[in-house]
C-alpha cells in the first residue's frame, strides 16, 4: 500500500548521500568518488561470481564512469604537474583493466583495480584528517594552568572590598 520497505530504505540512503554531497568539500567529494567506484566493483565481483553477466557489466561500467568522468576529469594537469599526469595515467590504466575484466570475467583484475583505488583513496582520506588545532596559548607559549583537582588543598585568596 505504501511501497516496499526496500524502496523506503533506498530513498533514505539516496537523501543521505545527496546531503553528504552538498555538504562536502572538494577533498571529501573525491573520497566519495573512490567509495562509489569501490562499491560498484564490489557489486561487479558479486555478479561475476553469480554468473550474472548483464549486472556485472553495468557495475563495471559504473566504476569506469566514476573513474573517467569523476576522478580523471577532476584532474587539473596544469596546476597538478607531475602528480596529476601520473594519476591521469593510472586512471587510464584502471579503466582499461576494467574493460579486460568485463570482457574476460577476470575477478583478479577487479581485485587489482580495487587495491589501486583503495591505496589512492587512503592518501586522499589522509589529507582530510584534521590537524591538531592550535590554541592561542600554544602559539604564544603561555603556560597552561594545571587541571582542576577538587580534592587538592586550596590556598585562601584575599579580596579587597
N, C-alpha and C. Protein backbone atom coordinates (compact mmCIF):
# COMPACT_ATOMS: atom_id res chain seq x y z
N UNK A 1 0.81 -1.19 0.00
CA UNK A 1 0.00 0.00 0.00
C UNK A 1 0.86 1.26 0.00
N UNK A 2 1.90 1.31 0.86
CA UNK A 2 2.76 2.48 0.93
C UNK A 2 4.13 2.24 0.29
N UNK A 3 4.30 1.19 -0.46
CA UNK A 3 5.59 0.88 -1.07
C UNK A 3 6.34 -0.12 -0.23
N UNK A 4 7.34 -0.68 -0.80
CA UNK A 4 8.10 -1.71 -0.08
C UNK A 4 9.08 -1.08 0.89
N UNK A 5 9.48 -1.87 1.86
CA UNK A 5 10.45 -1.41 2.86
C UNK A 5 11.78 -1.10 2.17
N UNK A 6 12.13 -1.89 1.14
CA UNK A 6 13.39 -1.69 0.45
C UNK A 6 13.40 -0.36 -0.29
N UNK A 7 12.28 0.03 -0.92
CA UNK A 7 12.26 1.29 -1.64
C UNK A 7 12.36 2.46 -0.67
N UNK A 8 11.78 2.32 0.52
CA UNK A 8 11.92 3.36 1.54
C UNK A 8 13.34 3.50 2.02
N UNK A 9 14.00 2.38 2.26
CA UNK A 9 15.40 2.42 2.69
C UNK A 9 16.28 2.98 1.59
N UNK A 10 15.96 2.65 0.35
CA UNK A 10 16.73 3.16 -0.79
C UNK A 10 16.57 4.68 -0.90
N UNK A 11 15.35 5.16 -0.73
CA UNK A 11 15.11 6.60 -0.78
C UNK A 11 15.85 7.31 0.34
N UNK A 12 15.83 6.73 1.54
CA UNK A 12 16.53 7.30 2.69
C UNK A 12 18.03 7.36 2.42
N UNK A 13 18.59 6.30 1.86
CA UNK A 13 20.02 6.27 1.56
C UNK A 13 20.36 7.32 0.51
N UNK A 14 19.48 7.50 -0.47
CA UNK A 14 19.72 8.47 -1.53
C UNK A 14 19.73 9.89 -0.96
N UNK A 15 18.80 10.19 -0.07
CA UNK A 15 18.76 11.51 0.56
C UNK A 15 20.03 11.73 1.38
N UNK A 16 20.45 10.70 2.12
CA UNK A 16 21.67 10.82 2.91
C UNK A 16 22.89 11.07 2.04
N UNK A 17 22.97 10.39 0.91
CA UNK A 17 24.10 10.56 0.01
C UNK A 17 24.07 11.96 -0.60
N UNK A 18 22.88 12.43 -1.03
CA UNK A 18 22.77 13.75 -1.62
C UNK A 18 23.13 14.83 -0.62
N UNK A 19 22.72 14.66 0.62
CA UNK A 19 23.06 15.61 1.67
C UNK A 19 24.57 15.63 1.89
N UNK A 20 25.19 14.46 1.86
CA UNK A 20 26.64 14.38 2.01
C UNK A 20 27.37 15.08 0.89
N UNK A 21 26.87 14.97 -0.32
CA UNK A 21 27.50 15.61 -1.47
C UNK A 21 27.40 17.13 -1.35
N UNK A 22 26.23 17.63 -0.96
CA UNK A 22 26.04 19.07 -0.84
C UNK A 22 26.94 19.65 0.24
N UNK A 23 27.11 18.94 1.34
CA UNK A 23 27.88 19.45 2.47
C UNK A 23 29.38 19.20 2.33
N UNK A 24 29.80 18.43 1.35
CA UNK A 24 31.20 18.02 1.25
C UNK A 24 32.08 19.10 0.62
N UNK A 25 33.34 19.10 1.04
CA UNK A 25 34.32 19.96 0.38
C UNK A 25 34.93 19.16 -0.77
N UNK A 26 35.75 19.78 -1.63
CA UNK A 26 36.29 19.07 -2.79
C UNK A 26 37.06 17.78 -2.44
N UNK A 27 37.84 17.80 -1.34
CA UNK A 27 38.57 16.59 -0.96
C UNK A 27 37.60 15.47 -0.58
N UNK A 28 36.55 15.82 0.16
CA UNK A 28 35.56 14.82 0.55
C UNK A 28 34.83 14.27 -0.66
N UNK A 29 34.58 15.11 -1.66
CA UNK A 29 33.92 14.64 -2.88
C UNK A 29 34.79 13.61 -3.61
N UNK A 30 36.08 13.85 -3.64
CA UNK A 30 36.99 12.90 -4.29
C UNK A 30 36.96 11.57 -3.54
N UNK A 31 36.99 11.61 -2.22
CA UNK A 31 36.92 10.38 -1.42
C UNK A 31 35.60 9.66 -1.69
N UNK A 32 34.51 10.41 -1.84
CA UNK A 32 33.22 9.81 -2.14
C UNK A 32 33.22 9.14 -3.51
N UNK A 33 33.93 9.72 -4.47
CA UNK A 33 34.05 9.08 -5.78
C UNK A 33 34.79 7.75 -5.67
N UNK A 34 35.86 7.73 -4.89
CA UNK A 34 36.58 6.48 -4.68
C UNK A 34 35.67 5.43 -4.05
N UNK A 35 34.90 5.85 -3.05
CA UNK A 35 33.99 4.91 -2.39
C UNK A 35 32.93 4.40 -3.35
N UNK A 36 32.41 5.28 -4.21
CA UNK A 36 31.41 4.86 -5.20
C UNK A 36 31.98 3.85 -6.18
N UNK A 37 33.21 4.07 -6.63
CA UNK A 37 33.85 3.13 -7.55
C UNK A 37 34.08 1.79 -6.86
N UNK A 38 34.48 1.83 -5.59
CA UNK A 38 34.71 0.58 -4.86
C UNK A 38 33.41 -0.19 -4.65
N UNK A 39 32.33 0.50 -4.36
CA UNK A 39 31.04 -0.17 -4.20
C UNK A 39 30.62 -0.81 -5.51
N UNK A 40 30.79 -0.08 -6.61
CA UNK A 40 30.44 -0.63 -7.92
C UNK A 40 31.26 -1.88 -8.23
N UNK A 41 32.54 -1.86 -7.89
CA UNK A 41 33.39 -3.03 -8.15
C UNK A 41 33.05 -4.19 -7.22
N UNK A 42 32.63 -3.90 -6.00
CA UNK A 42 32.17 -4.98 -5.10
C UNK A 42 30.93 -5.65 -5.69
N UNK A 43 30.00 -4.83 -6.20
CA UNK A 43 28.80 -5.40 -6.84
C UNK A 43 29.18 -6.20 -8.09
N UNK A 44 30.13 -5.69 -8.86
CA UNK A 44 30.58 -6.39 -10.06
C UNK A 44 31.15 -7.75 -9.70
N UNK A 45 31.94 -7.80 -8.63
CA UNK A 45 32.53 -9.08 -8.20
C UNK A 45 31.44 -10.06 -7.78
N UNK A 46 30.43 -9.57 -7.07
CA UNK A 46 29.33 -10.44 -6.65
C UNK A 46 28.59 -10.99 -7.87
N UNK A 47 28.31 -10.12 -8.83
CA UNK A 47 27.61 -10.55 -10.04
C UNK A 47 28.47 -11.49 -10.89
N UNK A 48 29.77 -11.24 -10.90
CA UNK A 48 30.68 -12.11 -11.66
C UNK A 48 30.66 -13.51 -11.06
N UNK A 49 30.72 -13.59 -9.74
CA UNK A 49 30.70 -14.90 -9.06
C UNK A 49 29.38 -15.62 -9.28
N UNK A 50 28.29 -14.86 -9.36
CA UNK A 50 26.96 -15.45 -9.54
C UNK A 50 26.64 -15.75 -11.00
N UNK A 51 27.51 -15.31 -11.90
CA UNK A 51 27.28 -15.56 -13.32
C UNK A 51 26.26 -14.61 -13.94
N UNK A 52 25.96 -13.52 -13.28
CA UNK A 52 25.00 -12.55 -13.78
C UNK A 52 25.75 -11.54 -14.66
N UNK A 53 25.86 -11.87 -15.94
CA UNK A 53 26.70 -11.11 -16.86
C UNK A 53 26.22 -9.68 -17.08
N UNK A 54 24.91 -9.50 -17.24
CA UNK A 54 24.37 -8.16 -17.51
C UNK A 54 24.64 -7.21 -16.34
N UNK A 55 24.36 -7.66 -15.13
CA UNK A 55 24.56 -6.81 -13.96
C UNK A 55 26.05 -6.57 -13.70
N UNK A 56 26.88 -7.57 -13.99
CA UNK A 56 28.33 -7.41 -13.87
C UNK A 56 28.78 -6.29 -14.79
N UNK A 57 28.30 -6.30 -16.01
CA UNK A 57 28.66 -5.28 -16.98
C UNK A 57 28.22 -3.89 -16.56
N UNK A 58 27.01 -3.79 -16.00
CA UNK A 58 26.51 -2.50 -15.53
C UNK A 58 27.37 -1.97 -14.39
N UNK A 59 27.72 -2.84 -13.48
CA UNK A 59 28.53 -2.41 -12.32
C UNK A 59 29.93 -1.98 -12.75
N UNK A 60 30.53 -2.73 -13.64
CA UNK A 60 31.87 -2.35 -14.12
C UNK A 60 31.79 -1.04 -14.91
N UNK A 61 30.75 -0.89 -15.72
CA UNK A 61 30.57 0.36 -16.47
C UNK A 61 30.42 1.54 -15.53
N UNK A 62 29.70 1.35 -14.45
CA UNK A 62 29.52 2.42 -13.46
C UNK A 62 30.87 2.80 -12.85
N UNK A 63 31.68 1.81 -12.50
CA UNK A 63 33.00 2.09 -11.94
C UNK A 63 33.87 2.84 -12.94
N UNK A 64 33.83 2.44 -14.21
CA UNK A 64 34.61 3.13 -15.25
C UNK A 64 34.14 4.57 -15.39
N UNK A 65 32.83 4.79 -15.35
CA UNK A 65 32.31 6.16 -15.46
C UNK A 65 32.77 7.02 -14.29
N UNK A 66 32.78 6.45 -13.10
CA UNK A 66 33.25 7.21 -11.93
C UNK A 66 34.73 7.56 -12.09
N UNK A 67 35.51 6.60 -12.54
CA UNK A 67 36.95 6.85 -12.71
C UNK A 67 37.19 7.88 -13.80
N UNK A 68 36.53 7.72 -14.95
CA UNK A 68 36.77 8.61 -16.09
C UNK A 68 36.12 9.99 -15.91
N UNK A 69 34.83 10.01 -15.58
CA UNK A 69 34.08 11.26 -15.55
C UNK A 69 34.13 11.96 -14.19
N UNK A 70 34.63 11.28 -13.18
CA UNK A 70 34.75 11.88 -11.86
C UNK A 70 36.19 12.13 -11.50
N UNK A 71 36.91 11.04 -11.27
CA UNK A 71 38.29 11.15 -10.80
C UNK A 71 39.22 11.74 -11.86
N UNK A 72 39.18 11.17 -13.03
CA UNK A 72 40.11 11.62 -14.09
C UNK A 72 39.75 13.01 -14.58
N UNK A 73 38.45 13.29 -14.72
CA UNK A 73 38.02 14.60 -15.21
C UNK A 73 38.32 15.71 -14.22
N UNK A 74 38.47 15.38 -12.94
CA UNK A 74 38.72 16.41 -11.93
C UNK A 74 40.20 16.81 -11.84
N UNK A 75 41.05 16.10 -12.55
CA UNK A 75 42.47 16.43 -12.50
C UNK A 75 42.75 17.74 -13.24
N UNK A 76 43.55 18.59 -12.65
CA UNK A 76 44.00 19.81 -13.30
C UNK A 76 45.47 19.62 -13.60
N UNK A 77 45.76 19.23 -14.83
CA UNK A 77 47.13 18.87 -15.20
C UNK A 77 48.06 20.08 -15.26
N UNK A 78 47.50 21.28 -15.42
CA UNK A 78 48.37 22.45 -15.46
C UNK A 78 48.84 22.83 -14.06
N UNK A 79 47.97 22.70 -13.07
CA UNK A 79 48.32 23.05 -11.70
C UNK A 79 48.94 21.85 -10.98
N UNK A 80 48.42 20.65 -11.26
CA UNK A 80 48.85 19.45 -10.55
C UNK A 80 50.20 18.91 -10.96
N UNK A 81 50.71 19.36 -12.08
CA UNK A 81 52.04 18.94 -12.54
C UNK A 81 52.18 17.44 -12.72
N UNK A 82 53.32 16.93 -12.29
CA UNK A 82 53.66 15.52 -12.48
C UNK A 82 52.71 14.58 -11.75
N UNK A 83 52.25 14.99 -10.58
CA UNK A 83 51.33 14.13 -9.81
C UNK A 83 50.04 13.94 -10.59
N UNK A 84 49.50 15.03 -11.14
CA UNK A 84 48.26 14.94 -11.92
C UNK A 84 48.46 14.09 -13.17
N UNK A 85 49.60 14.22 -13.81
CA UNK A 85 49.88 13.41 -15.01
C UNK A 85 49.99 11.93 -14.65
N UNK A 86 50.63 11.63 -13.53
CA UNK A 86 50.75 10.24 -13.08
C UNK A 86 49.39 9.65 -12.71
N UNK A 87 48.57 10.44 -12.02
CA UNK A 87 47.22 9.97 -11.68
C UNK A 87 46.38 9.76 -12.94
N UNK A 88 46.52 10.65 -13.91
CA UNK A 88 45.80 10.50 -15.18
C UNK A 88 46.16 9.18 -15.85
N UNK A 89 47.44 8.88 -15.89
CA UNK A 89 47.88 7.62 -16.50
C UNK A 89 47.37 6.42 -15.69
N UNK A 90 47.37 6.54 -14.37
CA UNK A 90 46.89 5.44 -13.53
C UNK A 90 45.39 5.23 -13.71
N UNK A 91 44.62 6.31 -13.79
CA UNK A 91 43.18 6.19 -14.01
C UNK A 91 42.89 5.56 -15.38
N UNK A 92 43.67 5.94 -16.38
CA UNK A 92 43.51 5.34 -17.71
C UNK A 92 43.82 3.84 -17.65
N UNK A 93 44.86 3.48 -16.93
CA UNK A 93 45.22 2.07 -16.75
C UNK A 93 44.08 1.30 -16.08
N UNK A 94 43.52 1.89 -15.01
CA UNK A 94 42.43 1.23 -14.30
C UNK A 94 41.23 0.99 -15.22
N UNK A 95 40.88 1.99 -16.00
CA UNK A 95 39.74 1.85 -16.92
C UNK A 95 39.98 0.75 -17.94
N UNK A 96 41.19 0.69 -18.49
CA UNK A 96 41.47 -0.36 -19.47
C UNK A 96 41.48 -1.74 -18.82
N UNK A 97 41.98 -1.82 -17.59
CA UNK A 97 41.95 -3.11 -16.88
C UNK A 97 40.53 -3.55 -16.58
N UNK A 98 39.65 -2.59 -16.27
CA UNK A 98 38.25 -2.94 -16.01
C UNK A 98 37.55 -3.42 -17.27
N UNK A 99 37.91 -2.87 -18.41
CA UNK A 99 37.36 -3.37 -19.68
C UNK A 99 37.77 -4.82 -19.90
N UNK A 100 39.02 -5.13 -19.62
CA UNK A 100 39.51 -6.50 -19.75
C UNK A 100 38.80 -7.42 -18.76
N UNK A 101 38.64 -6.94 -17.53
CA UNK A 101 37.94 -7.74 -16.51
C UNK A 101 36.51 -8.02 -16.95
N UNK A 102 35.86 -7.06 -17.56
CA UNK A 102 34.49 -7.24 -18.02
C UNK A 102 34.41 -8.23 -19.18
N UNK A 103 35.28 -8.09 -20.13
CA UNK A 103 35.24 -8.96 -21.32
C UNK A 103 35.56 -10.41 -20.96
N UNK A 104 36.55 -10.61 -20.12
CA UNK A 104 37.02 -11.96 -19.80
C UNK A 104 36.54 -12.48 -18.45
N UNK A 105 35.71 -11.70 -17.75
CA UNK A 105 35.21 -12.08 -16.41
C UNK A 105 36.36 -12.50 -15.50
N UNK A 106 37.33 -11.61 -15.36
CA UNK A 106 38.51 -11.90 -14.55
C UNK A 106 38.40 -11.19 -13.18
N UNK A 107 38.09 -11.98 -12.19
CA UNK A 107 37.94 -11.46 -10.83
C UNK A 107 39.25 -10.88 -10.31
N UNK A 108 40.37 -11.49 -10.65
CA UNK A 108 41.66 -11.00 -10.16
C UNK A 108 41.98 -9.60 -10.68
N UNK A 109 41.49 -9.28 -11.87
CA UNK A 109 41.72 -7.94 -12.41
C UNK A 109 40.86 -6.92 -11.66
N UNK A 110 39.62 -7.30 -11.31
CA UNK A 110 38.78 -6.43 -10.48
C UNK A 110 39.47 -6.15 -9.16
N UNK A 111 40.01 -7.18 -8.55
CA UNK A 111 40.68 -7.03 -7.26
C UNK A 111 41.92 -6.15 -7.37
N UNK A 112 42.63 -6.23 -8.50
CA UNK A 112 43.80 -5.38 -8.73
C UNK A 112 43.38 -3.91 -8.74
N UNK A 113 42.32 -3.59 -9.46
CA UNK A 113 41.85 -2.21 -9.55
C UNK A 113 41.30 -1.75 -8.20
N UNK A 114 40.61 -2.65 -7.49
CA UNK A 114 40.11 -2.30 -6.16
C UNK A 114 41.26 -1.93 -5.23
N UNK A 115 42.35 -2.66 -5.30
CA UNK A 115 43.51 -2.38 -4.45
C UNK A 115 44.13 -1.02 -4.80
N UNK A 116 44.22 -0.73 -6.09
CA UNK A 116 44.75 0.57 -6.51
C UNK A 116 43.86 1.71 -6.01
N UNK A 117 42.55 1.54 -6.17
CA UNK A 117 41.62 2.56 -5.69
C UNK A 117 41.74 2.76 -4.19
N UNK A 118 41.88 1.66 -3.46
CA UNK A 118 41.99 1.75 -2.00
C UNK A 118 43.25 2.50 -1.59
N UNK A 119 44.36 2.25 -2.27
CA UNK A 119 45.60 2.94 -1.95
C UNK A 119 45.49 4.44 -2.17
N UNK A 120 44.94 4.83 -3.31
CA UNK A 120 44.83 6.26 -3.62
C UNK A 120 43.80 6.91 -2.70
N UNK A 121 42.70 6.21 -2.43
CA UNK A 121 41.68 6.74 -1.52
C UNK A 121 42.29 6.99 -0.15
N UNK A 122 43.14 6.08 0.31
CA UNK A 122 43.78 6.25 1.61
C UNK A 122 44.61 7.52 1.66
N UNK A 123 45.28 7.82 0.57
CA UNK A 123 46.08 9.05 0.53
C UNK A 123 45.18 10.28 0.60
N UNK A 124 44.08 10.26 -0.14
CA UNK A 124 43.13 11.38 -0.12
C UNK A 124 42.49 11.51 1.26
N UNK A 125 42.08 10.41 1.83
CA UNK A 125 41.44 10.44 3.15
C UNK A 125 42.41 10.97 4.19
N UNK A 126 43.70 10.66 4.04
CA UNK A 126 44.71 11.15 4.97
C UNK A 126 44.81 12.66 4.96
N UNK A 127 44.52 13.27 3.81
CA UNK A 127 44.56 14.73 3.73
C UNK A 127 43.37 15.35 4.45
N UNK A 128 42.32 14.57 4.68
CA UNK A 128 41.12 15.08 5.35
C UNK A 128 41.23 15.08 6.86
N UNK A 129 42.14 14.27 7.40
CA UNK A 129 42.24 14.17 8.85
C UNK A 129 42.67 15.51 9.41
N UNK A 130 41.90 16.03 10.37
CA UNK A 130 42.22 17.36 10.89
C UNK A 130 43.51 17.36 11.69
N UNK A 131 44.25 18.41 11.52
CA UNK A 131 45.47 18.57 12.31
C UNK A 131 45.07 19.03 13.70
N UNK A 132 45.95 18.86 14.64
CA UNK A 132 45.66 19.30 16.00
C UNK A 132 45.47 20.81 15.98
N UNK A 133 44.37 21.29 16.53
CA UNK A 133 44.11 22.73 16.46
C UNK A 133 45.11 23.50 17.32
N UNK A 134 45.56 24.60 16.77
CA UNK A 134 46.49 25.45 17.51
C UNK A 134 45.68 26.37 18.41
N UNK A 135 46.07 26.44 19.64
CA UNK A 135 45.41 27.34 20.58
C UNK A 135 46.25 28.59 20.72
N UNK A 136 45.64 29.64 21.20
CA UNK A 136 46.38 30.88 21.42
C UNK A 136 47.52 30.63 22.39
N UNK A 137 47.25 29.84 23.43
CA UNK A 137 48.27 29.55 24.43
C UNK A 137 49.46 28.80 23.82
N UNK A 138 49.18 27.89 22.91
CA UNK A 138 50.29 27.14 22.31
C UNK A 138 51.08 27.99 21.34
N UNK A 139 50.41 28.91 20.66
CA UNK A 139 51.11 29.78 19.71
C UNK A 139 51.99 30.77 20.45
N UNK A 140 51.46 31.35 21.53
CA UNK A 140 52.20 32.35 22.29
C UNK A 140 53.07 31.73 23.37
N UNK A 141 53.02 30.44 23.52
CA UNK A 141 53.77 29.69 24.52
C UNK A 141 53.44 30.15 25.93
N UNK A 142 52.15 30.34 26.19
CA UNK A 142 51.67 30.70 27.52
C UNK A 142 51.53 29.40 28.30
N UNK A 143 52.07 29.35 29.52
CA UNK A 143 51.94 28.11 30.29
C UNK A 143 50.47 27.82 30.62
N UNK A 144 50.12 26.57 30.52
CA UNK A 144 48.76 26.14 30.81
C UNK A 144 48.58 25.97 32.31
N UNK A 145 47.38 26.32 32.79
CA UNK A 145 47.06 26.12 34.20
C UNK A 145 46.94 24.63 34.46
N UNK A 146 47.33 24.19 35.66
CA UNK A 146 47.19 22.75 35.96
C UNK A 146 45.71 22.39 36.00
N UNK A 147 45.38 21.15 35.71
CA UNK A 147 43.98 20.74 35.73
C UNK A 147 43.40 20.89 37.13
N UNK A 148 42.12 21.18 37.19
CA UNK A 148 41.44 21.39 38.46
C UNK A 148 41.31 20.07 39.20
N UNK A 149 41.68 20.11 40.50
CA UNK A 149 41.55 18.93 41.36
C UNK A 149 40.70 19.33 42.55
N UNK A 150 39.50 18.81 42.62
CA UNK A 150 38.57 19.18 43.69
C UNK A 150 39.07 18.77 45.06
N UNK A 151 39.93 17.80 45.16
CA UNK A 151 40.40 17.31 46.45
C UNK A 151 41.70 17.97 46.91
N UNK A 152 42.30 18.78 46.07
CA UNK A 152 43.56 19.43 46.42
C UNK A 152 43.30 20.54 47.42
N UNK A 153 44.21 20.75 48.39
CA UNK A 153 44.02 21.84 49.35
C UNK A 153 44.06 23.18 48.62
N UNK A 154 43.22 24.06 49.09
CA UNK A 154 43.13 25.39 48.46
C UNK A 154 43.88 26.42 49.29
N UNK A 155 44.48 27.35 48.60
CA UNK A 155 45.10 28.47 49.29
C UNK A 155 44.07 29.59 49.33
N UNK A 156 43.92 30.22 50.48
CA UNK A 156 42.92 31.28 50.59
C UNK A 156 43.33 32.49 49.76
N UNK A 157 42.33 33.13 49.20
CA UNK A 157 42.57 34.34 48.42
C UNK A 157 41.98 35.52 49.19
N UNK A 158 42.75 36.54 49.29
CA UNK A 158 42.29 37.75 49.95
C UNK A 158 41.72 38.69 48.92
N UNK A 159 40.57 39.21 49.21
CA UNK A 159 39.94 40.13 48.27
C UNK A 159 39.77 41.48 48.97
N UNK A 160 39.99 42.52 48.26
CA UNK A 160 39.79 43.86 48.78
C UNK A 160 38.34 44.27 48.53
N UNK A 161 37.77 44.96 49.49
CA UNK A 161 36.39 45.38 49.38
C UNK A 161 36.26 46.66 48.64
